[in-house]
Structures are given as C-alpha cells and as structure tokens.
N, C-alpha and C. Protein backbone atom coordinates (compact mmCIF):
# COMPACT_ATOMS: atom_id res chain seq x y z
N ALA A 1 3.67 -15.35 12.95
CA ALA A 1 3.90 -16.07 11.71
C ALA A 1 5.17 -15.55 11.02
N VAL A 2 5.36 -14.24 11.03
CA VAL A 2 6.56 -13.66 10.41
C VAL A 2 7.80 -14.10 11.17
N GLY A 3 7.73 -14.06 12.50
CA GLY A 3 8.87 -14.48 13.31
C GLY A 3 9.22 -15.94 13.08
N ALA A 4 8.19 -16.79 12.98
CA ALA A 4 8.43 -18.21 12.73
C ALA A 4 9.10 -18.41 11.38
N GLY A 5 8.67 -17.66 10.37
CA GLY A 5 9.28 -17.78 9.05
C GLY A 5 10.74 -17.35 9.06
N VAL A 6 11.05 -16.29 9.80
CA VAL A 6 12.44 -15.83 9.88
C VAL A 6 13.31 -16.87 10.57
N VAL A 7 12.80 -17.45 11.65
CA VAL A 7 13.57 -18.47 12.38
C VAL A 7 13.84 -19.68 11.50
N VAL A 8 12.80 -20.18 10.83
CA VAL A 8 12.97 -21.35 9.96
C VAL A 8 13.94 -21.04 8.83
N SER A 9 13.83 -19.85 8.23
CA SER A 9 14.73 -19.47 7.14
C SER A 9 16.17 -19.36 7.63
N ALA A 10 16.35 -18.79 8.81
CA ALA A 10 17.71 -18.68 9.36
C ALA A 10 18.31 -20.04 9.62
N MET A 11 17.51 -20.98 10.09
CA MET A 11 18.01 -22.34 10.35
C MET A 11 18.33 -23.06 9.04
N ALA A 12 17.58 -22.73 7.97
CA ALA A 12 17.76 -23.44 6.70
C ALA A 12 18.96 -22.91 5.91
N VAL A 13 19.11 -21.60 5.83
CA VAL A 13 20.15 -21.03 4.96
C VAL A 13 21.21 -20.25 5.73
N GLY A 14 20.96 -19.95 6.99
CA GLY A 14 21.93 -19.19 7.77
C GLY A 14 21.64 -17.70 7.76
N LEU A 15 22.07 -17.01 8.79
CA LEU A 15 21.81 -15.57 8.92
C LEU A 15 22.47 -14.73 7.83
N PRO A 16 23.72 -15.03 7.41
CA PRO A 16 24.32 -14.20 6.34
C PRO A 16 23.52 -14.22 5.05
N VAL A 17 23.07 -15.41 4.63
CA VAL A 17 22.28 -15.51 3.40
C VAL A 17 20.93 -14.83 3.58
N LEU A 18 20.34 -14.99 4.75
CA LEU A 18 19.04 -14.37 5.02
C LEU A 18 19.15 -12.85 4.99
N TRP A 19 20.23 -12.31 5.53
CA TRP A 19 20.43 -10.87 5.52
C TRP A 19 20.68 -10.36 4.11
N GLU A 20 21.39 -11.14 3.30
CA GLU A 20 21.61 -10.75 1.91
C GLU A 20 20.30 -10.74 1.15
N TYR A 21 19.45 -11.71 1.43
CA TYR A 21 18.13 -11.73 0.78
C TYR A 21 17.32 -10.50 1.19
N ARG A 22 17.42 -10.12 2.45
CA ARG A 22 16.72 -8.92 2.91
C ARG A 22 17.20 -7.71 2.12
N THR A 23 18.50 -7.59 1.90
CA THR A 23 19.04 -6.47 1.14
C THR A 23 18.49 -6.45 -0.28
N VAL A 24 18.40 -7.63 -0.89
CA VAL A 24 17.85 -7.72 -2.25
C VAL A 24 16.37 -7.38 -2.25
N ALA A 25 15.64 -7.93 -1.28
CA ALA A 25 14.19 -7.76 -1.26
C ALA A 25 13.77 -6.32 -1.00
N THR A 26 14.58 -5.56 -0.28
CA THR A 26 14.22 -4.17 -0.02
C THR A 26 14.54 -3.25 -1.19
N GLY A 27 15.06 -3.78 -2.27
CA GLY A 27 15.21 -3.00 -3.49
C GLY A 27 16.60 -2.49 -3.77
N TRP A 28 17.60 -2.85 -2.96
CA TRP A 28 18.93 -2.28 -3.14
C TRP A 28 19.76 -3.05 -4.16
N ALA A 29 19.26 -4.15 -4.68
CA ALA A 29 20.04 -4.93 -5.63
C ALA A 29 19.91 -4.42 -7.05
N ASN A 30 19.02 -3.44 -7.28
CA ASN A 30 18.78 -2.93 -8.63
C ASN A 30 19.68 -1.73 -8.89
N SER A 31 20.87 -1.97 -9.42
CA SER A 31 21.84 -0.89 -9.65
C SER A 31 21.57 -0.22 -10.99
N PHE A 32 20.50 0.54 -11.06
CA PHE A 32 20.11 1.20 -12.30
C PHE A 32 20.28 2.71 -12.20
N GLY A 33 21.07 3.19 -11.25
CA GLY A 33 21.26 4.62 -11.10
C GLY A 33 20.09 5.32 -10.44
N VAL A 34 19.32 4.60 -9.65
CA VAL A 34 18.18 5.19 -8.96
C VAL A 34 18.26 4.81 -7.49
N LEU A 35 17.43 5.45 -6.72
CA LEU A 35 17.26 5.05 -5.33
C LEU A 35 16.43 3.77 -5.29
N PRO A 36 16.30 3.13 -4.15
CA PRO A 36 15.73 1.78 -4.14
C PRO A 36 14.35 1.69 -4.78
N LEU A 37 14.15 0.66 -5.58
CA LEU A 37 12.86 0.43 -6.22
C LEU A 37 11.91 -0.23 -5.23
N ASN A 38 11.63 0.48 -4.17
CA ASN A 38 10.77 -0.01 -3.11
C ASN A 38 9.73 1.06 -2.84
N GLN A 39 8.54 0.88 -3.42
CA GLN A 39 7.53 1.92 -3.39
C GLN A 39 6.60 1.80 -2.19
N SER A 40 7.15 1.43 -1.05
CA SER A 40 6.39 1.39 0.19
C SER A 40 6.82 2.56 1.07
N LEU A 41 6.19 2.69 2.22
CA LEU A 41 6.59 3.73 3.16
C LEU A 41 8.03 3.53 3.62
N HIS A 42 8.43 2.27 3.76
CA HIS A 42 9.81 1.99 4.13
C HIS A 42 10.76 2.46 3.03
N GLY A 43 10.34 2.33 1.77
CA GLY A 43 11.16 2.80 0.68
C GLY A 43 11.38 4.31 0.73
N VAL A 44 10.33 5.04 1.11
CA VAL A 44 10.47 6.49 1.25
C VAL A 44 11.46 6.83 2.35
N VAL A 45 11.36 6.13 3.48
CA VAL A 45 12.31 6.36 4.58
C VAL A 45 13.73 6.01 4.12
N ALA A 46 13.88 4.90 3.40
CA ALA A 46 15.20 4.49 2.92
C ALA A 46 15.79 5.52 1.97
N ARG A 47 14.96 6.15 1.13
CA ARG A 47 15.46 7.18 0.22
C ARG A 47 15.98 8.38 0.99
N LEU A 48 15.26 8.76 2.04
CA LEU A 48 15.62 9.97 2.78
C LEU A 48 16.92 9.80 3.57
N VAL A 49 17.20 8.58 4.04
CA VAL A 49 18.40 8.36 4.85
C VAL A 49 19.56 7.80 4.05
N SER A 50 19.33 7.47 2.78
CA SER A 50 20.39 6.90 1.96
C SER A 50 21.45 7.95 1.64
N PRO A 51 22.75 7.59 1.70
CA PRO A 51 23.80 8.56 1.38
C PRO A 51 23.94 8.84 -0.10
N ALA A 52 23.54 7.91 -0.97
CA ALA A 52 23.68 8.09 -2.41
C ALA A 52 22.80 7.08 -3.12
N ARG A 53 22.75 7.17 -4.45
CA ARG A 53 21.96 6.22 -5.23
C ARG A 53 22.50 4.80 -5.04
N ASP A 54 21.58 3.89 -4.90
CA ASP A 54 21.92 2.46 -4.81
C ASP A 54 22.86 2.14 -3.66
N VAL A 55 22.87 2.96 -2.66
CA VAL A 55 23.74 2.74 -1.49
C VAL A 55 22.87 2.72 -0.24
N PRO A 56 22.71 1.58 0.39
CA PRO A 56 21.91 1.53 1.61
C PRO A 56 22.55 2.34 2.72
N ALA A 57 21.72 2.89 3.59
CA ALA A 57 22.22 3.67 4.71
C ALA A 57 22.89 2.75 5.73
N ILE A 58 23.92 3.26 6.38
CA ILE A 58 24.62 2.51 7.42
C ILE A 58 24.70 3.38 8.67
N GLY A 59 25.20 2.80 9.77
CA GLY A 59 25.33 3.55 11.00
C GLY A 59 23.99 3.93 11.59
N SER A 60 23.90 5.14 12.13
CA SER A 60 22.67 5.59 12.77
C SER A 60 21.52 5.71 11.76
N ARG A 61 21.84 6.13 10.53
CA ARG A 61 20.80 6.20 9.49
C ARG A 61 20.31 4.81 9.12
N GLY A 62 21.22 3.86 9.08
CA GLY A 62 20.81 2.49 8.81
C GLY A 62 19.88 1.96 9.89
N LEU A 63 20.13 2.36 11.14
CA LEU A 63 19.25 1.94 12.23
C LEU A 63 17.86 2.55 12.09
N VAL A 64 17.81 3.77 11.56
CA VAL A 64 16.51 4.39 11.32
C VAL A 64 15.72 3.59 10.29
N ALA A 65 16.39 3.20 9.20
CA ALA A 65 15.73 2.40 8.17
C ALA A 65 15.30 1.05 8.72
N LEU A 66 16.15 0.44 9.53
CA LEU A 66 15.81 -0.86 10.12
C LEU A 66 14.65 -0.73 11.09
N ALA A 67 14.63 0.35 11.88
CA ALA A 67 13.52 0.56 12.80
C ALA A 67 12.21 0.74 12.06
N ALA A 68 12.26 1.47 10.92
CA ALA A 68 11.04 1.64 10.11
C ALA A 68 10.60 0.31 9.53
N GLU A 69 11.57 -0.53 9.18
CA GLU A 69 11.26 -1.84 8.62
C GLU A 69 10.50 -2.72 9.60
N ILE A 70 10.72 -2.50 10.89
CA ILE A 70 10.04 -3.27 11.93
C ILE A 70 8.77 -2.58 12.39
N ALA A 71 8.85 -1.25 12.56
CA ALA A 71 7.74 -0.51 13.14
C ALA A 71 6.54 -0.38 12.20
N LEU A 72 6.80 -0.18 10.90
CA LEU A 72 5.70 0.04 9.97
C LEU A 72 4.76 -1.17 9.86
N PRO A 73 5.28 -2.42 9.72
CA PRO A 73 4.34 -3.56 9.72
C PRO A 73 3.56 -3.70 11.03
N LEU A 74 4.21 -3.41 12.16
CA LEU A 74 3.50 -3.49 13.43
C LEU A 74 2.40 -2.42 13.51
N LEU A 75 2.71 -1.22 13.03
CA LEU A 75 1.71 -0.16 13.02
C LEU A 75 0.54 -0.52 12.11
N ALA A 76 0.85 -1.06 10.93
CA ALA A 76 -0.22 -1.47 10.00
C ALA A 76 -1.08 -2.56 10.62
N ALA A 77 -0.45 -3.52 11.30
CA ALA A 77 -1.21 -4.59 11.95
C ALA A 77 -2.16 -4.02 13.00
N GLY A 78 -1.70 -3.01 13.76
CA GLY A 78 -2.56 -2.39 14.76
C GLY A 78 -3.73 -1.66 14.13
N VAL A 79 -3.47 -0.95 13.02
CA VAL A 79 -4.54 -0.23 12.34
C VAL A 79 -5.57 -1.21 11.77
N ILE A 80 -5.08 -2.29 11.15
CA ILE A 80 -5.98 -3.30 10.58
C ILE A 80 -6.82 -3.94 11.67
N TRP A 81 -6.18 -4.27 12.79
CA TRP A 81 -6.93 -4.87 13.91
C TRP A 81 -8.02 -3.93 14.39
N ARG A 82 -7.71 -2.64 14.46
CA ARG A 82 -8.70 -1.67 14.90
C ARG A 82 -9.84 -1.55 13.89
N LEU A 83 -9.52 -1.54 12.60
CA LEU A 83 -10.56 -1.42 11.59
C LEU A 83 -11.46 -2.64 11.54
N MET A 84 -10.88 -3.82 11.72
CA MET A 84 -11.66 -5.05 11.58
C MET A 84 -12.53 -5.35 12.79
N ARG A 85 -12.45 -4.54 13.82
CA ARG A 85 -13.28 -4.77 15.00
C ARG A 85 -14.74 -4.40 14.77
N GLY A 86 -15.03 -3.79 13.62
CA GLY A 86 -16.40 -3.38 13.34
C GLY A 86 -17.33 -4.52 12.97
N GLY A 87 -16.81 -5.71 12.79
CA GLY A 87 -17.66 -6.84 12.44
C GLY A 87 -17.74 -7.07 10.94
N GLU A 88 -18.69 -7.90 10.55
CA GLU A 88 -18.86 -8.26 9.15
C GLU A 88 -19.33 -7.07 8.32
N PRO A 89 -18.87 -6.96 7.06
CA PRO A 89 -19.34 -5.86 6.20
C PRO A 89 -20.82 -5.98 5.90
N ALA A 90 -21.46 -4.84 5.70
CA ALA A 90 -22.90 -4.82 5.50
C ALA A 90 -23.30 -5.28 4.10
N SER A 91 -22.39 -5.26 3.14
CA SER A 91 -22.71 -5.66 1.78
C SER A 91 -21.46 -6.19 1.10
N LEU A 92 -21.67 -6.81 -0.05
CA LEU A 92 -20.54 -7.33 -0.82
C LEU A 92 -19.62 -6.21 -1.26
N ARG A 93 -20.19 -5.07 -1.64
CA ARG A 93 -19.38 -3.94 -2.07
C ARG A 93 -18.52 -3.43 -0.93
N LYS A 94 -19.10 -3.32 0.25
CA LYS A 94 -18.33 -2.89 1.41
C LYS A 94 -17.21 -3.88 1.71
N GLY A 95 -17.52 -5.16 1.62
CA GLY A 95 -16.50 -6.17 1.89
C GLY A 95 -15.35 -6.10 0.90
N ALA A 96 -15.66 -5.88 -0.38
CA ALA A 96 -14.61 -5.76 -1.39
C ALA A 96 -13.75 -4.53 -1.14
N LEU A 97 -14.38 -3.41 -0.81
CA LEU A 97 -13.62 -2.20 -0.51
C LEU A 97 -12.73 -2.40 0.72
N GLN A 98 -13.25 -3.10 1.72
CA GLN A 98 -12.45 -3.37 2.91
C GLN A 98 -11.26 -4.27 2.59
N PHE A 99 -11.48 -5.26 1.73
CA PHE A 99 -10.39 -6.15 1.35
C PHE A 99 -9.25 -5.37 0.70
N TYR A 100 -9.59 -4.51 -0.26
CA TYR A 100 -8.54 -3.77 -0.95
C TYR A 100 -7.94 -2.68 -0.06
N ALA A 101 -8.71 -2.18 0.89
CA ALA A 101 -8.15 -1.23 1.84
C ALA A 101 -7.07 -1.90 2.70
N VAL A 102 -7.37 -3.09 3.20
CA VAL A 102 -6.40 -3.82 4.02
C VAL A 102 -5.20 -4.24 3.17
N LEU A 103 -5.44 -4.71 1.94
CA LEU A 103 -4.34 -5.11 1.06
C LEU A 103 -3.42 -3.93 0.77
N THR A 104 -3.99 -2.77 0.47
CA THR A 104 -3.18 -1.60 0.19
C THR A 104 -2.38 -1.18 1.41
N LEU A 105 -3.00 -1.29 2.58
CA LEU A 105 -2.29 -0.95 3.82
C LEU A 105 -1.12 -1.89 4.06
N LEU A 106 -1.31 -3.17 3.79
CA LEU A 106 -0.22 -4.14 3.93
C LEU A 106 0.91 -3.86 2.95
N LEU A 107 0.57 -3.50 1.72
CA LEU A 107 1.59 -3.19 0.73
C LEU A 107 2.38 -1.95 1.12
N LEU A 108 1.70 -0.97 1.68
CA LEU A 108 2.39 0.24 2.11
C LEU A 108 3.34 -0.03 3.26
N ALA A 109 2.97 -0.94 4.14
CA ALA A 109 3.77 -1.19 5.33
C ALA A 109 4.88 -2.21 5.10
N SER A 110 4.74 -3.04 4.07
CA SER A 110 5.75 -4.06 3.84
C SER A 110 6.99 -3.46 3.20
N PRO A 111 8.18 -3.76 3.75
CA PRO A 111 9.42 -3.24 3.14
C PRO A 111 9.90 -4.04 1.94
N PHE A 112 9.15 -5.05 1.52
CA PHE A 112 9.61 -5.95 0.46
C PHE A 112 8.72 -5.87 -0.77
N THR A 113 8.24 -4.68 -1.10
CA THR A 113 7.39 -4.52 -2.28
C THR A 113 8.02 -3.52 -3.23
N GLU A 114 7.90 -3.80 -4.54
CA GLU A 114 8.38 -2.87 -5.55
C GLU A 114 7.19 -2.24 -6.27
N ASN A 115 7.49 -1.36 -7.22
CA ASN A 115 6.43 -0.55 -7.80
C ASN A 115 5.42 -1.35 -8.61
N ILE A 116 5.70 -2.59 -8.93
CA ILE A 116 4.73 -3.37 -9.72
C ILE A 116 3.51 -3.74 -8.90
N HIS A 117 3.56 -3.52 -7.61
CA HIS A 117 2.40 -3.93 -6.80
C HIS A 117 1.17 -3.06 -7.05
N PHE A 118 1.29 -2.01 -7.85
CA PHE A 118 0.10 -1.26 -8.24
C PHE A 118 -0.91 -2.17 -8.91
N THR A 119 -0.45 -3.15 -9.66
CA THR A 119 -1.37 -4.07 -10.34
C THR A 119 -2.20 -4.86 -9.34
N TRP A 120 -1.71 -5.03 -8.13
CA TRP A 120 -2.45 -5.79 -7.13
C TRP A 120 -3.66 -5.02 -6.61
N VAL A 121 -3.56 -3.69 -6.56
CA VAL A 121 -4.65 -2.89 -6.03
C VAL A 121 -5.47 -2.23 -7.14
N LEU A 122 -5.13 -2.50 -8.39
CA LEU A 122 -5.88 -1.91 -9.50
C LEU A 122 -7.36 -2.29 -9.46
N PRO A 123 -7.75 -3.54 -9.15
CA PRO A 123 -9.18 -3.83 -9.05
C PRO A 123 -9.87 -2.99 -7.98
N GLY A 124 -9.19 -2.71 -6.88
CA GLY A 124 -9.78 -1.87 -5.85
C GLY A 124 -10.02 -0.46 -6.35
N ALA A 125 -9.09 0.07 -7.14
CA ALA A 125 -9.28 1.39 -7.73
C ALA A 125 -10.46 1.39 -8.69
N GLY A 126 -10.58 0.31 -9.48
CA GLY A 126 -11.72 0.19 -10.38
C GLY A 126 -13.04 0.13 -9.64
N LEU A 127 -13.07 -0.61 -8.53
CA LEU A 127 -14.29 -0.70 -7.73
C LEU A 127 -14.65 0.66 -7.15
N LEU A 128 -13.62 1.42 -6.77
CA LEU A 128 -13.87 2.75 -6.23
C LEU A 128 -14.49 3.66 -7.29
N LEU A 129 -14.05 3.54 -8.53
CA LEU A 129 -14.64 4.33 -9.61
C LEU A 129 -16.09 3.93 -9.85
N VAL A 130 -16.40 2.65 -9.71
CA VAL A 130 -17.78 2.19 -9.85
C VAL A 130 -18.66 2.79 -8.76
N VAL A 131 -18.15 2.80 -7.53
CA VAL A 131 -18.89 3.41 -6.42
C VAL A 131 -19.15 4.88 -6.70
N MET A 132 -18.16 5.57 -7.24
CA MET A 132 -18.33 6.98 -7.58
C MET A 132 -19.43 7.16 -8.62
N ALA A 133 -19.45 6.29 -9.62
CA ALA A 133 -20.45 6.40 -10.69
C ALA A 133 -21.86 6.20 -10.17
N GLN A 134 -22.01 5.46 -9.06
CA GLN A 134 -23.34 5.19 -8.51
C GLN A 134 -23.82 6.29 -7.57
N GLU A 135 -22.95 7.25 -7.26
CA GLU A 135 -23.34 8.33 -6.37
C GLU A 135 -24.30 9.29 -7.08
N PRO A 136 -25.32 9.79 -6.40
CA PRO A 136 -26.27 10.71 -7.05
C PRO A 136 -25.67 12.07 -7.34
N ARG A 137 -24.63 12.47 -6.62
CA ARG A 137 -23.99 13.76 -6.87
C ARG A 137 -22.48 13.63 -6.60
N ARG A 138 -21.74 14.58 -7.10
CA ARG A 138 -20.29 14.56 -6.92
C ARG A 138 -19.92 14.99 -5.50
N ARG A 139 -18.89 14.36 -4.98
CA ARG A 139 -18.42 14.66 -3.63
C ARG A 139 -16.94 15.03 -3.68
N PRO A 140 -16.43 15.70 -2.65
CA PRO A 140 -15.01 16.10 -2.67
C PRO A 140 -14.05 14.92 -2.78
N TRP A 141 -14.41 13.78 -2.18
CA TRP A 141 -13.47 12.66 -2.22
C TRP A 141 -13.37 12.06 -3.61
N HIS A 142 -14.33 12.36 -4.48
CA HIS A 142 -14.26 11.88 -5.86
C HIS A 142 -13.05 12.49 -6.57
N VAL A 143 -12.80 13.76 -6.34
CA VAL A 143 -11.65 14.43 -6.97
C VAL A 143 -10.35 13.79 -6.49
N VAL A 144 -10.27 13.51 -5.19
CA VAL A 144 -9.07 12.87 -4.65
C VAL A 144 -8.89 11.48 -5.24
N ALA A 145 -9.98 10.75 -5.40
CA ALA A 145 -9.90 9.40 -5.95
C ALA A 145 -9.40 9.42 -7.39
N VAL A 146 -9.92 10.32 -8.20
CA VAL A 146 -9.48 10.41 -9.60
C VAL A 146 -8.02 10.84 -9.67
N ALA A 147 -7.62 11.82 -8.86
CA ALA A 147 -6.22 12.26 -8.85
C ALA A 147 -5.30 11.13 -8.42
N THR A 148 -5.73 10.36 -7.44
CA THR A 148 -4.94 9.21 -6.99
C THR A 148 -4.76 8.20 -8.10
N TYR A 149 -5.83 7.90 -8.80
CA TYR A 149 -5.75 6.94 -9.90
C TYR A 149 -4.78 7.42 -10.98
N LEU A 150 -4.83 8.72 -11.29
CA LEU A 150 -3.94 9.25 -12.32
C LEU A 150 -2.48 9.19 -11.87
N ILE A 151 -2.24 9.47 -10.60
CA ILE A 151 -0.86 9.39 -10.09
C ILE A 151 -0.33 7.98 -10.21
N LEU A 152 -1.19 7.00 -9.92
CA LEU A 152 -0.75 5.60 -9.96
C LEU A 152 -0.64 5.06 -11.37
N ALA A 153 -1.47 5.55 -12.28
CA ALA A 153 -1.58 4.92 -13.59
C ALA A 153 -0.74 5.56 -14.68
N LEU A 154 -0.53 6.88 -14.60
CA LEU A 154 0.17 7.55 -15.70
C LEU A 154 1.66 7.25 -15.69
N PRO A 155 2.28 7.17 -16.85
CA PRO A 155 3.71 6.80 -16.93
C PRO A 155 4.66 7.78 -16.28
N PHE A 156 4.22 9.04 -16.06
CA PHE A 156 5.19 10.02 -15.56
C PHE A 156 5.68 9.65 -14.15
N THR A 157 4.88 8.91 -13.40
CA THR A 157 5.34 8.50 -12.07
C THR A 157 6.52 7.54 -12.18
N GLU A 158 6.46 6.64 -13.17
CA GLU A 158 7.59 5.74 -13.38
C GLU A 158 8.83 6.51 -13.80
N ASN A 159 8.65 7.51 -14.67
CA ASN A 159 9.80 8.30 -15.10
C ASN A 159 10.43 9.06 -13.94
N LEU A 160 9.59 9.55 -13.04
CA LEU A 160 10.12 10.23 -11.87
C LEU A 160 10.95 9.27 -11.02
N CYS A 161 10.47 8.04 -10.88
CA CYS A 161 11.20 7.07 -10.08
C CYS A 161 12.55 6.75 -10.72
N TRP A 162 12.58 6.59 -12.04
CA TRP A 162 13.81 6.19 -12.72
C TRP A 162 14.79 7.35 -12.86
N GLN A 163 14.31 8.59 -12.89
CA GLN A 163 15.19 9.73 -13.10
C GLN A 163 15.53 10.47 -11.81
N ALA A 164 15.03 9.96 -10.69
CA ALA A 164 15.25 10.67 -9.43
C ALA A 164 16.74 10.68 -9.08
N GLY A 165 17.22 11.83 -8.67
CA GLY A 165 18.61 11.94 -8.26
C GLY A 165 18.75 11.78 -6.76
N SER A 166 19.91 12.16 -6.24
CA SER A 166 20.17 12.03 -4.82
C SER A 166 19.80 13.27 -4.03
N SER A 167 19.33 14.31 -4.71
CA SER A 167 18.90 15.50 -4.00
C SER A 167 17.60 15.23 -3.26
N LEU A 168 17.27 16.10 -2.32
CA LEU A 168 16.04 15.91 -1.54
C LEU A 168 14.80 15.93 -2.43
N PRO A 169 14.68 16.88 -3.40
CA PRO A 169 13.51 16.81 -4.29
C PRO A 169 13.44 15.49 -5.05
N GLY A 170 14.60 14.98 -5.50
CA GLY A 170 14.59 13.71 -6.21
C GLY A 170 14.16 12.57 -5.32
N ARG A 171 14.59 12.57 -4.07
CA ARG A 171 14.20 11.51 -3.15
C ARG A 171 12.71 11.55 -2.87
N LEU A 172 12.17 12.75 -2.78
CA LEU A 172 10.75 12.88 -2.48
C LEU A 172 9.88 12.53 -3.70
N THR A 173 10.26 13.02 -4.88
CA THR A 173 9.45 12.74 -6.07
C THR A 173 9.51 11.27 -6.46
N SER A 174 10.58 10.58 -6.09
CA SER A 174 10.66 9.16 -6.44
C SER A 174 9.67 8.32 -5.66
N GLY A 175 9.00 8.91 -4.69
CA GLY A 175 7.98 8.18 -3.93
C GLY A 175 6.57 8.52 -4.36
N MET A 176 6.40 9.06 -5.58
CA MET A 176 5.07 9.47 -6.04
C MET A 176 4.07 8.35 -5.97
N GLU A 177 4.47 7.15 -6.39
CA GLU A 177 3.52 6.04 -6.38
C GLU A 177 3.13 5.68 -4.97
N CYS A 178 4.09 5.78 -4.06
CA CYS A 178 3.77 5.51 -2.66
C CYS A 178 2.76 6.51 -2.13
N TYR A 179 2.92 7.78 -2.49
CA TYR A 179 1.97 8.78 -2.04
C TYR A 179 0.57 8.50 -2.61
N GLY A 180 0.54 8.06 -3.87
CA GLY A 180 -0.75 7.69 -4.45
C GLY A 180 -1.39 6.53 -3.73
N LEU A 181 -0.57 5.54 -3.34
CA LEU A 181 -1.11 4.40 -2.59
C LEU A 181 -1.61 4.83 -1.22
N VAL A 182 -0.93 5.77 -0.60
CA VAL A 182 -1.39 6.28 0.70
C VAL A 182 -2.77 6.92 0.56
N ALA A 183 -2.93 7.76 -0.47
CA ALA A 183 -4.22 8.40 -0.69
C ALA A 183 -5.30 7.36 -1.01
N LEU A 184 -4.96 6.39 -1.86
CA LEU A 184 -5.93 5.35 -2.20
C LEU A 184 -6.30 4.54 -0.97
N CYS A 185 -5.33 4.22 -0.13
CA CYS A 185 -5.60 3.46 1.08
C CYS A 185 -6.54 4.23 2.01
N CYS A 186 -6.29 5.53 2.16
CA CYS A 186 -7.15 6.34 3.03
C CYS A 186 -8.58 6.37 2.51
N ILE A 187 -8.74 6.55 1.20
CA ILE A 187 -10.09 6.60 0.63
C ILE A 187 -10.79 5.26 0.80
N LEU A 188 -10.08 4.16 0.51
CA LEU A 188 -10.68 2.84 0.64
C LEU A 188 -11.07 2.56 2.08
N CYS A 189 -10.23 2.96 3.03
CA CYS A 189 -10.56 2.74 4.44
C CYS A 189 -11.77 3.57 4.86
N ILE A 190 -11.81 4.83 4.42
CA ILE A 190 -12.92 5.70 4.80
C ILE A 190 -14.23 5.19 4.22
N ILE A 191 -14.22 4.84 2.93
CA ILE A 191 -15.44 4.37 2.29
C ILE A 191 -15.79 2.95 2.73
N GLY A 192 -14.80 2.07 2.77
CA GLY A 192 -15.07 0.67 3.08
C GLY A 192 -15.49 0.41 4.51
N PHE A 193 -15.03 1.26 5.43
CA PHE A 193 -15.37 1.04 6.84
C PHE A 193 -16.40 2.05 7.35
N ARG A 194 -17.25 2.52 6.42
CA ARG A 194 -18.49 3.22 6.73
C ARG A 194 -18.32 4.59 7.38
N ALA A 195 -17.16 5.23 7.23
CA ALA A 195 -17.03 6.58 7.76
C ALA A 195 -17.76 7.59 6.88
N ILE A 196 -17.90 7.28 5.57
CA ILE A 196 -18.64 8.13 4.65
C ILE A 196 -19.73 7.29 4.00
N PRO A 197 -20.99 7.71 4.09
CA PRO A 197 -22.05 6.93 3.44
C PRO A 197 -21.96 7.03 1.93
N THR A 198 -22.32 5.98 1.27
CA THR A 198 -22.36 5.96 -0.19
C THR A 198 -23.76 5.57 -0.64
N ALA A 199 -24.03 5.75 -1.92
CA ALA A 199 -25.34 5.42 -2.45
C ALA A 199 -25.60 3.93 -2.30
N PRO A 200 -26.81 3.53 -1.89
CA PRO A 200 -27.10 2.10 -1.73
C PRO A 200 -27.10 1.38 -3.05
N THR A 201 -26.68 0.14 -3.03
CA THR A 201 -26.70 -0.67 -4.24
C THR A 201 -28.10 -1.22 -4.47
N ARG A 202 -28.38 -1.61 -5.70
CA ARG A 202 -29.67 -2.22 -6.00
C ARG A 202 -29.76 -3.59 -5.36
N PRO A 203 -30.91 -3.93 -4.82
CA PRO A 203 -31.04 -5.26 -4.19
C PRO A 203 -30.98 -6.37 -5.22
N HIS A 204 -30.41 -7.47 -4.82
CA HIS A 204 -30.40 -8.64 -5.68
C HIS A 204 -31.80 -9.24 -5.75
N MET A 205 -31.99 -10.14 -6.72
CA MET A 205 -33.32 -10.74 -6.91
C MET A 205 -33.80 -11.41 -5.63
N GLY A 206 -32.87 -12.09 -4.94
CA GLY A 206 -33.27 -12.79 -3.73
C GLY A 206 -33.53 -11.88 -2.56
N GLN A 207 -33.19 -10.61 -2.66
CA GLN A 207 -33.39 -9.68 -1.57
C GLN A 207 -34.70 -8.89 -1.71
N ARG A 208 -35.39 -9.04 -2.80
CA ARG A 208 -36.60 -8.26 -3.02
C ARG A 208 -37.81 -8.84 -2.29
N PHE A 209 -37.70 -10.04 -1.84
CA PHE A 209 -38.81 -10.70 -1.18
C PHE A 209 -38.37 -11.17 0.20
N ALA A 210 -39.30 -11.19 1.11
CA ALA A 210 -39.00 -11.67 2.45
C ALA A 210 -38.65 -13.15 2.39
N PRO A 211 -37.69 -13.60 3.17
CA PRO A 211 -37.32 -15.01 3.15
C PRO A 211 -38.43 -15.91 3.66
N LEU A 212 -38.54 -17.07 3.05
CA LEU A 212 -39.57 -18.03 3.48
C LEU A 212 -39.19 -18.64 4.82
N ARG A 213 -40.14 -18.76 5.68
CA ARG A 213 -39.91 -19.38 6.98
C ARG A 213 -40.66 -20.71 7.05
N ILE A 214 -39.93 -21.72 7.40
CA ILE A 214 -40.52 -23.06 7.47
C ILE A 214 -40.66 -23.45 8.94
C-alpha cells in the first residue's frame, strides 16, 4: 500500500516535488534553531547523524538516515505481524491495549511524525492507568508506567526538544518523548498481548448468566 501511494504520488507531482515533501514531512522544514521536530525512532537517528541544527545529513550519513527510514517501518510491520498471530483478544480491555500498542509502535517507526502525536496515544496511557488501579497490589511495571506518563506529559520534555543543541547530549535529550513512547509501547505490548497477567475485569450483566440455547 505504501509503495502504491509513492508510485501514484510520483506520477501526479513528480519525483522532485515528492522528495521535497519527504524533506518537509521528516521535520527538516522547521528552522527554529533545533534538530528535526520528528519524535520517532527515525528522528533520533536523524539527530545523531545530522551535521548541525536544521541541516539534514548528506553523503554516507544521509544514507544511514534513509536506510533507517526504510528499515524501521519494515521492522515494525514484522513485530506487529508477530504480535497479532495470537488471535482475537480475550476481552475488550485487552483489545484496547493491543490497539494502542500497535498504534504506538507505528508512530515510533514512522519517519513522518512530530511531537504532537503524543495526543494520539494519550487514551492508551489513560487506559493503562485504569488497569493499574484495578490491580490488587503494586507491581514493578507500575513505576515504569507512571514515569513514562510523566516523561510524555510534563512540559520539560518540550523544553528539552526546543533547547537542544548540536552536541551529543543535546541530540540525545531532544529525543526524550521518543524514549517515553518506546517505554509506553513496550508496556502496552507486554500487558496487551498477555505476557503479564492483570487483574480480571468485572463481568458485564450479560456475562453473569449462561447463554440461552434454543
């Protein structure tokens, strides 16, 4: 589907325009004195290979960024395919957690996402907090979940992104939101795909009685 869209777009607007759109979509068009506003895994790679602020990598480093742009979506597709082989979710809560796990994984792998995509996975984080509240006792992953939510939600992550310089520490700290999404994705995948048991939900009214057989 992605390949078909690229072919149709190239036929409609031409390769030069399509390549310029790619440059804009990966976050390099925002000349605000920061590294690319692309809070995906590809954005982290682009920060590490970039020669300076707002300057895309070229040459061998540019090939590294381009390779990551292709390899990361393929890797995410393979992981999603492997996770979805387990069949239908056992409950609505499991299905919702699986949905947000897959969505977060796609956002991490896509090179065309900016930091506003946190709002897309915010319901998944809220659902995770609800699952935590239903647990009979505290577990180690609860601490990771709360820390992840704070990393994603507090304003200091945005300030780090906007104030990041061209030094290696600046390049790394500017990916704080991406690191939070990675942690959130791992927790959602672990909980949603039954690697860690959670407290059972209360049965619905229709589940309290055996179904009528006619």
